[in-house]
Amino acid sequence: MAEGFLRHIGGGDVEAVSAGTEPGELHPLAVEVMAEEGIDISGQRAKSVDGFVQQQFDYVIAVCDDANEACPFFPNAANRLHWSFPDPSAAGGTREEKLAVFRTVRDAIRGRMILDLLNAEMVF
């Protein structure tokens, strides 16, 4: 979801990639809740962080506690941030209860992105 927001907000001026320490499949509820915001992430795919460790980044952002603990060192990253969000794919309950968790995390990512990135000295 963070990659989708960055691509959308950056309007083509930001290159964003997302990767996981244990990548799985793109969760359909993530696709659904981002579509509610007018952002299509259906073309994104799960990737491993191992493929990006040597790449140069302005920002590396760990978006959950598990990822922060397992995230490798990125020697070419100018900044490293940790945003502590629960993993929405771990949510239980009915479909509507799971959707509520995905929406909560989506909204928290958007809010944190505005606070940490857009208020920083980043120029899009």
PDB file of N, CA and C in Angstrom:
ATOM      1  N   MET A   1       0.831  -1.189   0.000  1.00  0.00           N
ATOM      2  CA  MET A   1       0.000   0.000   0.000  1.00  0.00           C
ATOM      3  C   MET A   1       0.876   1.253   0.000  1.00  0.00           C
ATOM      4  N   ALA A   2       1.990   1.199   0.741  1.00  0.00           N
ATOM      5  CA  ALA A   2       2.882   2.365   0.793  1.00  0.00           C
ATOM      6  C   ALA A   2       3.450   2.671  -0.582  1.00  0.00           C
ATOM      7  N   GLU A   3       3.856   1.637  -1.325  1.00  0.00           N
ATOM      8  CA  GLU A   3       4.369   1.854  -2.667  1.00  0.00           C
ATOM      9  C   GLU A   3       3.318   2.532  -3.538  1.00  0.00           C
ATOM     10  N   GLY A   4       2.088   2.068  -3.452  1.00  0.00           N
ATOM     11  CA  GLY A   4       1.008   2.652  -4.240  1.00  0.00           C
ATOM     12  C   GLY A   4       0.790   4.114  -3.907  1.00  0.00           C
ATOM     13  N   PHE A   5       0.785   4.449  -2.613  1.00  0.00           N
ATOM     14  CA  PHE A   5       0.632   5.847  -2.218  1.00  0.00           C
ATOM     15  C   PHE A   5       1.790   6.697  -2.730  1.00  0.00           C
ATOM     16  N   LEU A   6       3.019   6.209  -2.592  1.00  0.00           N
ATOM     17  CA  LEU A   6       4.176   6.983  -3.045  1.00  0.00           C
ATOM     18  C   LEU A   6       4.120   7.238  -4.541  1.00  0.00           C
ATOM     19  N   ARG A   7       3.791   6.225  -5.299  1.00  0.00           N
ATOM     20  CA  ARG A   7       3.682   6.402  -6.751  1.00  0.00           C
ATOM     21  C   ARG A   7       2.579   7.416  -7.082  1.00  0.00           C
ATOM     22  N   HIS A   8       1.468   7.308  -6.392  1.00  0.00           N
ATOM     23  CA  HIS A   8       0.338   8.202  -6.652  1.00  0.00           C
ATOM     24  C   HIS A   8       0.669   9.643  -6.261  1.00  0.00           C
ATOM     25  N   ILE A   9       1.157   9.836  -5.055  1.00  0.00           N
ATOM     26  CA  ILE A   9       1.470  11.182  -4.568  1.00  0.00           C
ATOM     27  C   ILE A   9       2.616  11.796  -5.356  1.00  0.00           C
ATOM     28  N   GLY A  10       3.609  10.977  -5.699  1.00  0.00           N
ATOM     29  CA  GLY A  10       4.770  11.477  -6.429  1.00  0.00           C
ATOM     30  C   GLY A  10       4.483  11.834  -7.867  1.00  0.00           C
ATOM     31  N   GLY A  11       3.373  11.365  -8.402  1.00  0.00           N
ATOM     32  CA  GLY A  11       2.974  11.742  -9.747  1.00  0.00           C
ATOM     33  C   GLY A  11       4.014  11.457 -10.825  1.00  0.00           C
ATOM     34  N   GLY A  12       4.750  10.383 -10.701  1.00  0.00           N
ATOM     35  CA  GLY A  12       5.757  10.054 -11.699  1.00  0.00           C
ATOM     36  C   GLY A  12       7.142  10.596 -11.397  1.00  0.00           C
ATOM     37  N   ASP A  13       7.250  11.452 -10.388  1.00  0.00           N
ATOM     38  CA  ASP A  13       8.544  12.016 -10.011  1.00  0.00           C
ATOM     39  C   ASP A  13       9.246  11.194  -8.931  1.00  0.00           C
ATOM     40  N   VAL A  14       8.597  10.141  -8.459  1.00  0.00           N
ATOM     41  CA  VAL A  14       9.145   9.313  -7.392  1.00  0.00           C
ATOM     42  C   VAL A  14       9.213   7.873  -7.889  1.00  0.00           C
ATOM     43  N   GLU A  15      10.365   7.263  -7.707  1.00  0.00           N
ATOM     44  CA  GLU A  15      10.477   5.837  -7.989  1.00  0.00           C
ATOM     45  C   GLU A  15      10.320   5.115  -6.664  1.00  0.00           C
ATOM     46  N   ALA A  16       9.306   4.306  -6.560  1.00  0.00           N
ATOM     47  CA  ALA A  16       9.029   3.585  -5.316  1.00  0.00           C
ATOM     48  C   ALA A  16       8.996   2.098  -5.591  1.00  0.00           C
ATOM     49  N   VAL A  17       9.613   1.347  -4.705  1.00  0.00           N
ATOM     50  CA  VAL A  17       9.543  -0.109  -4.766  1.00  0.00           C
ATOM     51  C   VAL A  17       9.227  -0.608  -3.369  1.00  0.00           C
ATOM     52  N   SER A  18       8.545  -1.718  -3.311  1.00  0.00           N
ATOM     53  CA  SER A  18       8.285  -2.327  -2.013  1.00  0.00           C
ATOM     54  C   SER A  18       8.767  -3.762  -2.068  1.00  0.00           C
ATOM     55  N   ALA A  19       9.198  -4.221  -0.924  1.00  0.00           N
ATOM     56  CA  ALA A  19       9.705  -5.585  -0.840  1.00  0.00           C
ATOM     57  C   ALA A  19       9.497  -6.072   0.584  1.00  0.00           C
ATOM     58  N   GLY A  20       9.477  -7.375   0.734  1.00  0.00           N
ATOM     59  CA  GLY A  20       9.262  -7.944   2.049  1.00  0.00           C
ATOM     60  C   GLY A  20      10.369  -8.882   2.449  1.00  0.00           C
ATOM     61  N   THR A  21      10.449  -9.105   3.754  1.00  0.00           N
ATOM     62  CA  THR A  21      11.429 -10.060   4.258  1.00  0.00           C
ATOM     63  C   THR A  21      10.968 -11.482   3.978  1.00  0.00           C
ATOM     64  N   GLU A  22       9.664 -11.672   3.877  1.00  0.00           N
ATOM     65  CA  GLU A  22       9.077 -12.960   3.506  1.00  0.00           C
ATOM     66  C   GLU A  22       7.932 -12.687   2.534  1.00  0.00           C
ATOM     67  N   PRO A  23       8.267 -12.321   1.283  1.00  0.00           N
ATOM     68  CA  PRO A  23       7.206 -11.911   0.354  1.00  0.00           C
ATOM     69  C   PRO A  23       6.266 -13.051   0.007  1.00  0.00           C
ATOM     70  N   GLY A  24       5.002 -12.698  -0.066  1.00  0.00           N
ATOM     71  CA  GLY A  24       3.971 -13.657  -0.459  1.00  0.00           C
ATOM     72  C   GLY A  24       3.248 -13.101  -1.670  1.00  0.00           C
ATOM     73  N   GLU A  25       1.974 -13.301  -1.698  1.00  0.00           N
ATOM     74  CA  GLU A  25       1.145 -12.784  -2.785  1.00  0.00           C
ATOM     75  C   GLU A  25       0.568 -11.420  -2.393  1.00  0.00           C
ATOM     76  N   LEU A  26       0.296 -10.588  -3.373  1.00  0.00           N
ATOM     77  CA  LEU A  26      -0.378  -9.322  -3.136  1.00  0.00           C
ATOM     78  C   LEU A  26      -1.779  -9.633  -2.610  1.00  0.00           C
ATOM     79  N   HIS A  27      -2.095  -9.101  -1.446  1.00  0.00           N
ATOM     80  CA  HIS A  27      -3.367  -9.436  -0.804  1.00  0.00           C
ATOM     81  C   HIS A  27      -4.515  -8.741  -1.531  1.00  0.00           C
ATOM     82  N   PRO A  28      -5.572  -9.483  -1.893  1.00  0.00           N
ATOM     83  CA  PRO A  28      -6.692  -8.872  -2.615  1.00  0.00           C
ATOM     84  C   PRO A  28      -7.392  -7.769  -1.822  1.00  0.00           C
ATOM     85  N   LEU A  29      -7.392  -7.838  -0.503  1.00  0.00           N
ATOM     86  CA  LEU A  29      -8.026  -6.766   0.276  1.00  0.00           C
ATOM     87  C   LEU A  29      -7.193  -5.490   0.235  1.00  0.00           C
ATOM     88  N   ALA A  30      -5.883  -5.612   0.100  1.00  0.00           N
ATOM     89  CA  ALA A  30      -5.038  -4.422  -0.081  1.00  0.00           C
ATOM     90  C   ALA A  30      -5.387  -3.755  -1.404  1.00  0.00           C
ATOM     91  N   VAL A  31      -5.541  -4.557  -2.437  1.00  0.00           N
ATOM     92  CA  VAL A  31      -5.929  -4.025  -3.748  1.00  0.00           C
ATOM     93  C   VAL A  31      -7.277  -3.322  -3.646  1.00  0.00           C
ATOM     94  N   GLU A  32      -8.208  -3.935  -2.950  1.00  0.00           N
ATOM     95  CA  GLU A  32      -9.559  -3.387  -2.822  1.00  0.00           C
ATOM     96  C   GLU A  32      -9.579  -2.055  -2.070  1.00  0.00           C
ATOM     97  N   VAL A  33      -8.891  -1.979  -0.926  1.00  0.00           N
ATOM     98  CA  VAL A  33      -8.957  -0.742  -0.149  1.00  0.00           C
ATOM     99  C   VAL A  33      -8.175   0.396  -0.816  1.00  0.00           C
ATOM    100  N   MET A  34      -7.148   0.064  -1.577  1.00  0.00           N
ATOM    101  CA  MET A  34      -6.446   1.119  -2.315  1.00  0.00           C
ATOM    102  C   MET A  34      -7.297   1.608  -3.485  1.00  0.00           C
ATOM    103  N   ALA A  35      -8.051   0.704  -4.109  1.00  0.00           N
ATOM    104  CA  ALA A  35      -8.957   1.101  -5.185  1.00  0.00           C
ATOM    105  C   ALA A  35     -10.016   2.072  -4.669  1.00  0.00           C
ATOM    106  N   GLU A  36     -10.412   1.918  -3.403  1.00  0.00           N
ATOM    107  CA  GLU A  36     -11.354   2.865  -2.800  1.00  0.00           C
ATOM    108  C   GLU A  36     -10.793   4.278  -2.795  1.00  0.00           C
ATOM    109  N   GLU A  37      -9.477   4.405  -2.821  1.00  0.00           N
ATOM    110  CA  GLU A  37      -8.798   5.706  -2.838  1.00  0.00           C
ATOM    111  C   GLU A  37      -8.439   6.130  -4.257  1.00  0.00           C
ATOM    112  N   GLY A  38      -8.848   5.343  -5.242  1.00  0.00           N
ATOM    113  CA  GLY A  38      -8.545   5.654  -6.633  1.00  0.00           C
ATOM    114  C   GLY A  38      -7.127   5.280  -7.045  1.00  0.00           C
ATOM    115  N   ILE A  39      -6.502   4.362  -6.307  1.00  0.00           N
ATOM    116  CA  ILE A  39      -5.128   3.943  -6.589  1.00  0.00           C
ATOM    117  C   ILE A  39      -5.128   2.468  -6.929  1.00  0.00           C
ATOM    118  N   ASP A  40      -4.662   2.144  -8.138  1.00  0.00           N
ATOM    119  CA  ASP A  40      -4.631   0.757  -8.595  1.00  0.00           C
ATOM    120  C   ASP A  40      -3.268   0.151  -8.295  1.00  0.00           C
ATOM    121  N   ILE A  41      -3.236  -0.798  -7.374  1.00  0.00           N
ATOM    122  CA  ILE A  41      -1.983  -1.489  -7.058  1.00  0.00           C
ATOM    123  C   ILE A  41      -2.002  -2.924  -7.575  1.00  0.00           C
ATOM    124  N   SER A  42      -2.993  -3.266  -8.384  1.00  0.00           N
ATOM    125  CA  SER A  42      -3.156  -4.653  -8.832  1.00  0.00           C
ATOM    126  C   SER A  42      -1.973  -5.148  -9.661  1.00  0.00           C
ATOM    127  N   GLY A  43      -1.203  -4.247 -10.240  1.00  0.00           N
ATOM    128  CA  GLY A  43      -0.046  -4.640 -11.038  1.00  0.00           C
ATOM    129  C   GLY A  43       1.220  -4.824 -10.224  1.00  0.00           C
ATOM    130  N   GLN A  44       1.178  -4.473  -8.946  1.00  0.00           N
ATOM    131  CA  GLN A  44       2.354  -4.652  -8.101  1.00  0.00           C
ATOM    132  C   GLN A  44       2.530  -6.130  -7.802  1.00  0.00           C
ATOM    133  N   ARG A  45       3.759  -6.518  -7.490  1.00  0.00           N
ATOM    134  CA  ARG A  45       4.010  -7.908  -7.125  1.00  0.00           C
ATOM    135  C   ARG A  45       4.892  -7.936  -5.888  1.00  0.00           C
ATOM    136  N   ALA A  46       4.797  -9.008  -5.140  1.00  0.00           N
ATOM    137  CA  ALA A  46       5.617  -9.177  -3.940  1.00  0.00           C
ATOM    138  C   ALA A  46       7.052  -9.477  -4.361  1.00  0.00           C
ATOM    139  N   LYS A  47       7.996  -8.790  -3.735  1.00  0.00           N
ATOM    140  CA  LYS A  47       9.414  -8.948  -4.030  1.00  0.00           C
ATOM    141  C   LYS A  47      10.173  -9.116  -2.718  1.00  0.00           C
ATOM    142  N   SER A  48      11.351  -9.715  -2.792  1.00  0.00           N
ATOM    143  CA  SER A  48      12.189  -9.896  -1.614  1.00  0.00           C
ATOM    144  C   SER A  48      13.139  -8.712  -1.443  1.00  0.00           C
ATOM    145  N   VAL A  49      13.361  -8.304  -0.188  1.00  0.00           N
ATOM    146  CA  VAL A  49      14.310  -7.219   0.075  1.00  0.00           C
ATOM    147  C   VAL A  49      15.723  -7.587  -0.370  1.00  0.00           C
ATOM    148  N   ASP A  50      16.021  -8.878  -0.406  1.00  0.00           N
ATOM    149  CA  ASP A  50      17.369  -9.310  -0.774  1.00  0.00           C
ATOM    150  C   ASP A  50      17.797  -8.785  -2.139  1.00  0.00           C
ATOM    151  N   GLY A  51      16.862  -8.594  -3.033  1.00  0.00           N
ATOM    152  CA  GLY A  51      17.175  -8.098  -4.370  1.00  0.00           C
ATOM    153  C   GLY A  51      17.461  -6.608  -4.433  1.00  0.00           C
ATOM    154  N   PHE A  52      17.305  -5.897  -3.321  1.00  0.00           N
ATOM    155  CA  PHE A  52      17.461  -4.440  -3.319  1.00  0.00           C
ATOM    156  C   PHE A  52      18.544  -3.917  -2.377  1.00  0.00           C
ATOM    157  N   VAL A  53      19.196  -4.809  -1.644  1.00  0.00           N
ATOM    158  CA  VAL A  53      20.129  -4.389  -0.588  1.00  0.00           C
ATOM    159  C   VAL A  53      21.231  -3.474  -1.097  1.00  0.00           C
ATOM    160  N   GLN A  54      21.747  -3.710  -2.278  1.00  0.00           N
ATOM    161  CA  GLN A  54      22.854  -2.895  -2.798  1.00  0.00           C
ATOM    162  C   GLN A  54      22.397  -1.685  -3.618  1.00  0.00           C
ATOM    163  N   GLN A  55      21.085  -1.552  -3.831  1.00  0.00           N
ATOM    164  CA  GLN A  55      20.561  -0.429  -4.602  1.00  0.00           C
ATOM    165  C   GLN A  55      20.629   0.851  -3.775  1.00  0.00           C
ATOM    166  N   GLN A  56      20.774   1.971  -4.448  1.00  0.00           N
ATOM    167  CA  GLN A  56      20.812   3.261  -3.758  1.00  0.00           C
ATOM    168  C   GLN A  56      19.383   3.769  -3.570  1.00  0.00           C
ATOM    169  N   PHE A  57      19.080   4.212  -2.330  1.00  0.00           N
ATOM    170  CA  PHE A  57      17.763   4.745  -1.996  1.00  0.00           C
ATOM    171  C   PHE A  57      17.905   6.024  -1.204  1.00  0.00           C
ATOM    172  N   ASP A  58      16.962   6.944  -1.410  1.00  0.00           N
ATOM    173  CA  ASP A  58      16.885   8.115  -0.539  1.00  0.00           C
ATOM    174  C   ASP A  58      16.289   7.701   0.803  1.00  0.00           C
ATOM    175  N   TYR A  59      15.301   6.815   0.759  1.00  0.00           N
ATOM    176  CA  TYR A  59      14.626   6.347   1.966  1.00  0.00           C
ATOM    177  C   TYR A  59      14.404   4.841   1.900  1.00  0.00           C
ATOM    178  N   VAL A  60      14.656   4.157   2.993  1.00  0.00           N
ATOM    179  CA  VAL A  60      14.225   2.784   3.206  1.00  0.00           C
ATOM    180  C   VAL A  60      13.295   2.858   4.406  1.00  0.00           C
ATOM    181  N   ILE A  61      12.070   2.367   4.228  1.00  0.00           N
ATOM    182  CA  ILE A  61      11.062   2.471   5.275  1.00  0.00           C
ATOM    183  C   ILE A  61      10.564   1.078   5.631  1.00  0.00           C
ATOM    184  N   ALA A  62      10.775   0.669   6.858  1.00  0.00           N
ATOM    185  CA  ALA A  62      10.201  -0.583   7.369  1.00  0.00           C
ATOM    186  C   ALA A  62       8.817  -0.237   7.894  1.00  0.00           C
ATOM    187  N   VAL A  63       7.794  -0.963   7.428  1.00  0.00           N
ATOM    188  CA  VAL A  63       6.427  -0.580   7.778  1.00  0.00           C
ATOM    189  C   VAL A  63       5.764  -1.463   8.823  1.00  0.00           C
ATOM    190  N   CYS A  64       6.494  -2.369   9.407  1.00  0.00           N
ATOM    191  CA  CYS A  64       5.944  -3.124  10.532  1.00  0.00           C
ATOM    192  C   CYS A  64       7.097  -3.590  11.412  1.00  0.00           C
ATOM    193  N   ASP A  65       6.777  -3.950  12.641  1.00  0.00           N
ATOM    194  CA  ASP A  65       7.816  -4.339  13.595  1.00  0.00           C
ATOM    195  C   ASP A  65       8.595  -5.564  13.137  1.00  0.00           C
ATOM    196  N   ASP A  66       7.906  -6.568  12.604  1.00  0.00           N
ATOM    197  CA  ASP A  66       8.600  -7.767  12.139  1.00  0.00           C
ATOM    198  C   ASP A  66       9.578  -7.418  11.019  1.00  0.00           C
ATOM    199  N   ALA A  67       9.142  -6.582  10.089  1.00  0.00           N
ATOM    200  CA  ALA A  67      10.022  -6.185   8.986  1.00  0.00           C
ATOM    201  C   ALA A  67      11.199  -5.371   9.505  1.00  0.00           C
ATOM    202  N   ASN A  68      10.970  -4.530  10.487  1.00  0.00           N
ATOM    203  CA  ASN A  68      12.046  -3.721  11.039  1.00  0.00           C
ATOM    204  C   ASN A  68      13.125  -4.593  11.674  1.00  0.00           C
ATOM    205  N   GLU A  69      12.693  -5.614  12.395  1.00  0.00           N
ATOM    206  CA  GLU A  69      13.642  -6.514  13.053  1.00  0.00           C
ATOM    207  C   GLU A  69      14.418  -7.355  12.043  1.00  0.00           C
ATOM    208  N   ALA A  70      13.746  -7.794  10.983  1.00  0.00           N
ATOM    209  CA  ALA A  70      14.369  -8.699  10.013  1.00  0.00           C
ATOM    210  C   ALA A  70      14.990  -7.973   8.824  1.00  0.00           C
ATOM    211  N   CYS A  71      14.761  -6.677   8.724  1.00  0.00           N
ATOM    212  CA  CYS A  71      15.226  -5.911   7.569  1.00  0.00           C
ATOM    213  C   CYS A  71      16.748  -5.868   7.530  1.00  0.00           C
ATOM    214  N   PRO A  72      17.340  -6.209   6.388  1.00  0.00           N
ATOM    215  CA  PRO A  72      18.793  -6.151   6.292  1.00  0.00           C
ATOM    216  C   PRO A  72      19.286  -4.706   6.258  1.00  0.00           C
ATOM    217  N   PHE A  73      20.564  -4.548   6.432  1.00  0.00           N
ATOM    218  CA  PHE A  73      21.193  -3.238   6.347  1.00  0.00           C
ATOM    219  C   PHE A  73      21.288  -2.829   4.883  1.00  0.00           C
ATOM    220  N   PHE A  74      20.883  -1.609   4.593  1.00  0.00           N
ATOM    221  CA  PHE A  74      20.974  -1.059   3.243  1.00  0.00           C
ATOM    222  C   PHE A  74      22.099  -0.028   3.243  1.00  0.00           C
ATOM    223  N   PRO A  75      23.305  -0.402   2.805  1.00  0.00           N
ATOM    224  CA  PRO A  75      24.450   0.497   2.905  1.00  0.00           C
ATOM    225  C   PRO A  75      24.331   1.752   2.052  1.00  0.00           C
ATOM    226  N   ASN A  76      23.493   1.719   1.025  1.00  0.00           N
ATOM    227  CA  ASN A  76      23.371   2.860   0.120  1.00  0.00           C
ATOM    228  C   ASN A  76      22.093   3.658   0.340  1.00  0.00           C
ATOM    229  N   ALA A  77      21.493   3.525   1.509  1.00  0.00           N
ATOM    230  CA  ALA A  77      20.275   4.277   1.821  1.00  0.00           C
ATOM    231  C   ALA A  77      20.643   5.539   2.592  1.00  0.00           C
ATOM    232  N   ALA A  78      20.169   6.677   2.115  1.00  0.00           N
ATOM    233  CA  ALA A  78      20.455   7.941   2.785  1.00  0.00           C
ATOM    234  C   ALA A  78      19.710   8.058   4.113  1.00  0.00           C
ATOM    235  N   ASN A  79      18.490   7.515   4.177  1.00  0.00           N
ATOM    236  CA  ASN A  79      17.654   7.612   5.374  1.00  0.00           C
ATOM    237  C   ASN A  79      16.934   6.285   5.600  1.00  0.00           C
ATOM    238  N   ARG A  80      16.796   5.909   6.862  1.00  0.00           N
ATOM    239  CA  ARG A  80      16.031   4.711   7.202  1.00  0.00           C
ATOM    240  C   ARG A  80      14.983   5.095   8.230  1.00  0.00           C
ATOM    241  N   LEU A  81      13.734   4.760   7.927  1.00  0.00           N
ATOM    242  CA  LEU A  81      12.623   5.062   8.820  1.00  0.00           C
ATOM    243  C   LEU A  81      11.933   3.763   9.223  1.00  0.00           C
ATOM    244  N   HIS A  82      11.295   3.789  10.389  1.00  0.00           N
ATOM    245  CA  HIS A  82      10.489   2.659  10.838  1.00  0.00           C
ATOM    246  C   HIS A  82       9.104   3.185  11.189  1.00  0.00           C
ATOM    247  N   TRP A  83       8.112   2.670  10.493  1.00  0.00           N
ATOM    248  CA  TRP A  83       6.727   2.999  10.777  1.00  0.00           C
ATOM    249  C   TRP A  83       6.082   1.732  11.313  1.00  0.00           C
ATOM    250  N   SER A  84       5.632   1.751  12.537  1.00  0.00           N
ATOM    251  CA  SER A  84       5.098   0.556  13.182  1.00  0.00           C
ATOM    252  C   SER A  84       3.607   0.405  12.906  1.00  0.00           C
ATOM    253  N   PHE A  85       3.283  -0.446  11.940  1.00  0.00           N
ATOM    254  CA  PHE A  85       1.896  -0.766  11.621  1.00  0.00           C
ATOM    255  C   PHE A  85       1.679  -2.258  11.802  1.00  0.00           C
ATOM    256  N   PRO A  86       0.484  -2.652  12.217  1.00  0.00           N
ATOM    257  CA  PRO A  86       0.198  -4.088  12.262  1.00  0.00           C
ATOM    258  C   PRO A  86       0.107  -4.630  10.833  1.00  0.00           C
ATOM    259  N   ASP A  87       0.386  -5.900  10.668  1.00  0.00           N
ATOM    260  CA  ASP A  87       0.261  -6.550   9.369  1.00  0.00           C
ATOM    261  C   ASP A  87      -1.219  -6.840   9.140  1.00  0.00           C
ATOM    262  N   PRO A  88      -1.865  -6.131   8.227  1.00  0.00           N
ATOM    263  CA  PRO A  88      -3.305  -6.337   8.052  1.00  0.00           C
ATOM    264  C   PRO A  88      -3.652  -7.727   7.538  1.00  0.00           C
ATOM    265  N   SER A  89      -2.712  -8.374   6.856  1.00  0.00           N
ATOM    266  CA  SER A  89      -3.012  -9.715   6.355  1.00  0.00           C
ATOM    267  C   SER A  89      -3.134 -10.739   7.476  1.00  0.00           C
ATOM    268  N   ALA A  90      -2.695 -10.384   8.677  1.00  0.00           N
ATOM    269  CA  ALA A  90      -2.812 -11.282   9.834  1.00  0.00           C
ATOM    270  C   ALA A  90      -4.153 -11.129  10.546  1.00  0.00           C
ATOM    271  N   ALA A  91      -4.979 -10.187  10.096  1.00  0.00           N
ATOM    272  CA  ALA A  91      -6.268  -9.934  10.749  1.00  0.00           C
ATOM    273  C   ALA A  91      -7.204 -11.123  10.585  1.00  0.00           C
ATOM    274  N   GLY A  92      -7.948 -11.389  11.633  1.00  0.00           N
ATOM    275  CA  GLY A  92      -8.943 -12.451  11.597  1.00  0.00           C
ATOM    276  C   GLY A  92     -10.332 -11.855  11.549  1.00  0.00           C
ATOM    277  N   GLY A  93     -11.302 -12.713  11.554  1.00  0.00           N
ATOM    278  CA  GLY A  93     -12.687 -12.260  11.590  1.00  0.00           C
ATOM    279  C   GLY A  93     -13.372 -12.387  10.245  1.00  0.00           C
ATOM    280  N   THR A  94     -14.500 -11.693  10.151  1.00  0.00           N
ATOM    281  CA  THR A  94     -15.285 -11.715   8.917  1.00  0.00           C
ATOM    282  C   THR A  94     -14.586 -10.883   7.843  1.00  0.00           C
ATOM    283  N   ARG A  95     -15.078 -10.984   6.642  1.00  0.00           N
ATOM    284  CA  ARG A  95     -14.527 -10.181   5.544  1.00  0.00           C
ATOM    285  C   ARG A  95     -14.592  -8.697   5.880  1.00  0.00           C
ATOM    286  N   GLU A  96     -15.719  -8.257   6.434  1.00  0.00           N
ATOM    287  CA  GLU A  96     -15.876  -6.836   6.780  1.00  0.00           C
ATOM    288  C   GLU A  96     -14.907  -6.416   7.881  1.00  0.00           C
ATOM    289  N   GLU A  97     -14.674  -7.304   8.854  1.00  0.00           N
ATOM    290  CA  GLU A  97     -13.718  -6.995   9.920  1.00  0.00           C
ATOM    291  C   GLU A  97     -12.299  -6.901   9.363  1.00  0.00           C
ATOM    292  N   LYS A  98     -11.960  -7.786   8.440  1.00  0.00           N
ATOM    293  CA  LYS A  98     -10.643  -7.729   7.799  1.00  0.00           C
ATOM    294  C   LYS A  98     -10.506  -6.461   6.960  1.00  0.00           C
ATOM    295  N   LEU A  99     -11.554  -6.127   6.223  1.00  0.00           N
ATOM    296  CA  LEU A  99     -11.535  -4.882   5.437  1.00  0.00           C
ATOM    297  C   LEU A  99     -11.319  -3.679   6.337  1.00  0.00           C
ATOM    298  N   ALA A 100     -11.940  -3.666   7.491  1.00  0.00           N
ATOM    299  CA  ALA A 100     -11.776  -2.551   8.427  1.00  0.00           C
ATOM    300  C   ALA A 100     -10.317  -2.417   8.858  1.00  0.00           C
ATOM    301  N   VAL A 101      -9.651  -3.545   9.091  1.00  0.00           N
ATOM    302  CA  VAL A 101      -8.233  -3.511   9.474  1.00  0.00           C
ATOM    303  C   VAL A 101      -7.392  -2.981   8.319  1.00  0.00           C
ATOM    304  N   PHE A 102      -7.645  -3.453   7.114  1.00  0.00           N
ATOM    305  CA  PHE A 102      -6.898  -2.961   5.954  1.00  0.00           C
ATOM    306  C   PHE A 102      -7.113  -1.463   5.758  1.00  0.00           C
ATOM    307  N   ARG A 103      -8.350  -0.998   5.949  1.00  0.00           N
ATOM    308  CA  ARG A 103      -8.619   0.446   5.810  1.00  0.00           C
ATOM    309  C   ARG A 103      -7.896   1.254   6.881  1.00  0.00           C
ATOM    310  N   THR A 104      -7.877   0.742   8.094  1.00  0.00           N
ATOM    311  CA  THR A 104      -7.189   1.435   9.186  1.00  0.00           C
ATOM    312  C   THR A 104      -5.697   1.554   8.891  1.00  0.00           C
ATOM    313  N   VAL A 105      -5.088   0.468   8.450  1.00  0.00           N
ATOM    314  CA  VAL A 105      -3.660   0.495   8.132  1.00  0.00           C
ATOM    315  C   VAL A 105      -3.404   1.391   6.922  1.00  0.00           C
ATOM    316  N   ARG A 106      -4.252   1.310   5.910  1.00  0.00           N
ATOM    317  CA  ARG A 106      -4.120   2.179   4.732  1.00  0.00           C
ATOM    318  C   ARG A 106      -4.130   3.645   5.141  1.00  0.00           C
ATOM    319  N   ASP A 107      -5.082   4.018   5.961  1.00  0.00           N
ATOM    320  CA  ASP A 107      -5.206   5.411   6.387  1.00  0.00           C
ATOM    321  C   ASP A 107      -4.016   5.844   7.244  1.00  0.00           C
ATOM    322  N   ALA A 108      -3.519   4.923   8.070  1.00  0.00           N
ATOM    323  CA  ALA A 108      -2.356   5.232   8.903  1.00  0.00           C
ATOM    324  C   ALA A 108      -1.103   5.423   8.044  1.00  0.00           C
ATOM    325  N   ILE A 109      -0.950   4.602   7.014  1.00  0.00           N
ATOM    326  CA  ILE A 109       0.194   4.761   6.097  1.00  0.00           C
ATOM    327  C   ILE A 109       0.127   6.112   5.416  1.00  0.00           C
ATOM    328  N   ARG A 110      -1.054   6.479   4.914  1.00  0.00           N
ATOM    329  CA  ARG A 110      -1.214   7.783   4.260  1.00  0.00           C
ATOM    330  C   ARG A 110      -0.854   8.916   5.211  1.00  0.00           C
ATOM    331  N   GLY A 111      -1.369   8.850   6.429  1.00  0.00           N
ATOM    332  CA  GLY A 111      -1.091   9.902   7.405  1.00  0.00           C
ATOM    333  C   GLY A 111       0.377   9.992   7.756  1.00  0.00           C
ATOM    334  N   ARG A 112       1.004   8.863   7.956  1.00  0.00           N
ATOM    335  CA  ARG A 112       2.422   8.855   8.307  1.00  0.00           C
ATOM    336  C   ARG A 112       3.281   9.340   7.151  1.00  0.00           C
ATOM    337  N   MET A 113       2.875   8.987   5.941  1.00  0.00           N
ATOM    338  CA  MET A 113       3.600   9.427   4.761  1.00  0.00           C
ATOM    339  C   MET A 113       3.579  10.950   4.654  1.00  0.00           C
ATOM    340  N   ILE A 114       2.435  11.522   4.909  1.00  0.00           N
ATOM    341  CA  ILE A 114       2.321  12.981   4.856  1.00  0.00           C
ATOM    342  C   ILE A 114       3.191  13.616   5.929  1.00  0.00           C
ATOM    343  N   LEU A 115       3.136  13.081   7.141  1.00  0.00           N
ATOM    344  CA  LEU A 115       3.924  13.645   8.238  1.00  0.00           C
ATOM    345  C   LEU A 115       5.422  13.509   8.024  1.00  0.00           C
ATOM    346  N   ASP A 116       5.871  12.306   7.678  1.00  0.00           N
ATOM    347  CA  ASP A 116       7.306  12.042   7.614  1.00  0.00           C
ATOM    348  C   ASP A 116       7.946  12.428   6.294  1.00  0.00           C
ATOM    349  N   LEU A 117       7.263  12.223   5.217  1.00  0.00           N
ATOM    350  CA  LEU A 117       7.890  12.433   3.920  1.00  0.00           C
ATOM    351  C   LEU A 117       7.546  13.766   3.275  1.00  0.00           C
ATOM    352  N   LEU A 118       6.279  14.072   3.222  1.00  0.00           N
ATOM    353  CA  LEU A 118       5.913  15.303   2.546  1.00  0.00           C
ATOM    354  C   LEU A 118       6.294  16.538   3.340  1.00  0.00           C
ATOM    355  N   ASN A 119       6.346  16.415   4.669  1.00  0.00           N
ATOM    356  CA  ASN A 119       6.774  17.546   5.485  1.00  0.00           C
ATOM    357  C   ASN A 119       8.284  17.632   5.598  1.00  0.00           C
ATOM    358  N   ALA A 120       8.980  16.601   5.134  1.00  0.00           N
ATOM    359  CA  ALA A 120      10.441  16.637   5.108  1.00  0.00           C
ATOM    360  C   ALA A 120      10.861  17.506   3.917  1.00  0.00           C
ATOM    361  N   GLU A 121      12.110  17.577   3.702  1.00  0.00           N
ATOM    362  CA  GLU A 121      12.608  18.410   2.616  1.00  0.00           C
ATOM    363  C   GLU A 121      12.624  17.668   1.290  1.00  0.00           C
ATOM    364  N   MET A 122      11.619  16.847   1.084  1.00  0.00           N
ATOM    365  CA  MET A 122      11.507  16.124  -0.186  1.00  0.00           C
ATOM    366  C   MET A 122      10.803  17.018  -1.177  1.00  0.00           C
ATOM    367  N   VAL A 123      11.276  17.006  -2.386  1.00  0.00           N
ATOM    368  CA  VAL A 123      10.649  17.786  -3.459  1.00  0.00           C
ATOM    369  C   VAL A 123      10.191  16.802  -4.516  1.00  0.00           C
ATOM    370  N   PHE A 124       8.887  16.856  -4.800  1.00  0.00           N
ATOM    371  CA  PHE A 124       8.349  15.974  -5.829  1.00  0.00           C
ATOM    372  C   PHE A 124       8.229  16.747  -7.121  1.00  0.00           C
TER     373      PHE A 124
END
